[in-house]
C-alpha atoms as a PDB file:
ATOM      1  CA  UNK A   1       0.015  -0.197   0.126  1.00  0.00           C
ATOM      2  CA  UNK A   2       2.424   2.310  -0.969  1.00  0.00           C
ATOM      3  CA  UNK A   3      -0.713   5.663  -1.343  1.00  0.00           C
ATOM      4  CA  UNK A   4      -0.162   5.010   2.165  1.00  0.00           C
ATOM      5  CA  UNK A   5       3.336   6.089   2.813  1.00  0.00           C
ATOM      6  CA  UNK A   6       2.960   8.427   0.348  1.00  0.00           C
ATOM      7  CA  UNK A   7       0.092  10.069   2.510  1.00  0.00           C
ATOM      8  CA  UNK A   8       2.262  10.029   5.400  1.00  0.00           C
ATOM      9  CA  UNK A   9       5.073  11.474   4.122  1.00  0.00           C
ATOM     10  CA  UNK A  10       3.501  14.499   2.196  1.00  0.00           C
ATOM     11  CA  UNK A  11       1.221  15.243   5.384  1.00  0.00           C
ATOM     12  CA  UNK A  12       1.361  18.711   3.954  1.00  0.00           C
ATOM     13  CA  UNK A  13      -0.956  17.966   0.906  1.00  0.00           C
ATOM     14  CA  UNK A  14      -4.505  17.906   0.940  1.00  0.00           C
ATOM     15  CA  UNK A  15      -5.066  13.694   1.973  1.00  0.00           C
ATOM     16  CA  UNK A  16      -7.627  12.077  -0.376  1.00  0.00           C
ATOM     17  CA  UNK A  17      -8.737   7.999  -0.426  1.00  0.00           C
ATOM     18  CA  UNK A  18      -6.989   6.149  -3.652  1.00  0.00           C
ATOM     19  CA  UNK A  19      -8.654   6.249  -7.011  1.00  0.00           C
ATOM     20  CA  UNK A  20     -10.367   2.951  -7.837  1.00  0.00           C
ATOM     21  CA  UNK A  21      -7.600   2.132 -10.320  1.00  0.00           C
ATOM     22  CA  UNK A  22      -5.495   2.445  -8.092  1.00  0.00           C
ATOM     23  CA  UNK A  23      -6.908  -0.077  -5.481  1.00  0.00           C
ATOM     24  CA  UNK A  24      -7.016  -2.342  -8.684  1.00  0.00           C
ATOM     25  CA  UNK A  25      -3.555  -1.962  -9.596  1.00  0.00           C
ATOM     26  CA  UNK A  26      -2.747  -2.820  -5.832  1.00  0.00           C
ATOM     27  CA  UNK A  27      -4.886  -6.145  -5.765  1.00  0.00           C
ATOM     28  CA  UNK A  28      -3.155  -7.126  -9.382  1.00  0.00           C
ATOM     29  CA  UNK A  29      -0.191  -6.655  -7.853  1.00  0.00           C
ATOM     30  CA  UNK A  30      -1.252  -8.814  -4.999  1.00  0.00           C
ATOM     31  CA  UNK A  31      -2.569 -11.548  -7.616  1.00  0.00           C
ATOM     32  CA  UNK A  32       0.824 -11.663  -9.746  1.00  0.00           C
ATOM     33  CA  UNK A  33       3.170 -12.007  -6.095  1.00  0.00           C
ATOM     34  CA  UNK A  34       0.652 -15.266  -5.433  1.00  0.00           C
ATOM     35  CA  UNK A  35       1.818 -16.174  -9.239  1.00  0.00           C
ATOM     36  CA  UNK A  36      -1.628 -15.312 -10.389  1.00  0.00           C
ATOM     37  CA  UNK A  37      -3.943 -12.767 -11.495  1.00  0.00           C
ATOM     38  CA  UNK A  38      -6.905 -13.511  -9.738  1.00  0.00           C
ATOM     39  CA  UNK A  39     -10.070 -11.396  -9.130  1.00  0.00           C
ATOM     40  CA  UNK A  40     -11.188 -10.889  -5.199  1.00  0.00           C
ATOM     41  CA  UNK A  41     -13.444 -13.753  -5.000  1.00  0.00           C
ATOM     42  CA  UNK A  42     -11.618 -16.042  -6.711  1.00  0.00           C
ATOM     43  CA  UNK A  43      -9.051 -15.772  -4.162  1.00  0.00           C
ATOM     44  CA  UNK A  44     -11.360 -16.199  -1.636  1.00  0.00           C
ATOM     45  CA  UNK A  45     -12.944 -19.218  -2.730  1.00  0.00           C
ATOM     46  CA  UNK A  46      -9.173 -20.714  -3.246  1.00  0.00           C
ATOM     47  CA  UNK A  47      -8.313 -20.120   0.447  1.00  0.00           C
ATOM     48  CA  UNK A  48     -11.776 -22.151   1.525  1.00  0.00           C
ATOM     49  CA  UNK A  49     -11.056 -24.616  -1.146  1.00  0.00           C
ATOM     50  CA  UNK A  50      -7.632 -25.056   0.240  1.00  0.00           C
ATOM     51  CA  UNK A  51      -8.706 -24.948   3.856  1.00  0.00           C
ATOM     52  CA  UNK A  52     -10.867 -27.785   3.112  1.00  0.00           C
ATOM     53  CA  UNK A  53      -8.306 -29.745   1.484  1.00  0.00           C
ATOM     54  CA  UNK A  54      -6.177 -29.463   4.804  1.00  0.00           C
ATOM     55  CA  UNK A  55      -9.353 -30.174   6.903  1.00  0.00           C
ATOM     56  CA  UNK A  56      -9.496 -33.628   4.676  1.00  0.00           C
ATOM     57  CA  UNK A  57      -5.513 -34.404   5.394  1.00  0.00           C
ATOM     58  CA  UNK A  58      -6.859 -34.694   9.375  1.00  0.00           C
ATOM     59  CA  UNK A  59     -10.157 -36.257   9.125  1.00  0.00           C
ATOM     60  CA  UNK A  60      -9.465 -39.883   7.957  1.00  0.00           C
ATOM     61  CA  UNK A  61      -6.411 -39.960  10.469  1.00  0.00           C
ATOM     62  CA  UNK A  62      -9.644 -39.662  12.976  1.00  0.00           C
ATOM     63  CA  UNK A  63     -11.644 -41.705  11.679  1.00  0.00           C
ATOM     64  CA  UNK A  64      -9.421 -44.509  11.478  1.00  0.00           C
ATOM     65  CA  UNK A  65      -9.020 -44.265  15.512  1.00  0.00           C
ATOM     66  CA  UNK A  66     -13.280 -44.070  16.188  1.00  0.00           C
END
């Protein structure tokens, strides 16, 4: 979030919220950082899927004990 740092540095400038395009750039940069250009919703569905997978790994062991 570079614009936050810049705003703090330039406190004498009028404060403003980032433009939507800047926010989109930030999101796309985060997507590239993950190695994928994902939309926000896709990212969260993938997170949920990975959480489900990790829970499935632990489930069979519990079933075997029972």
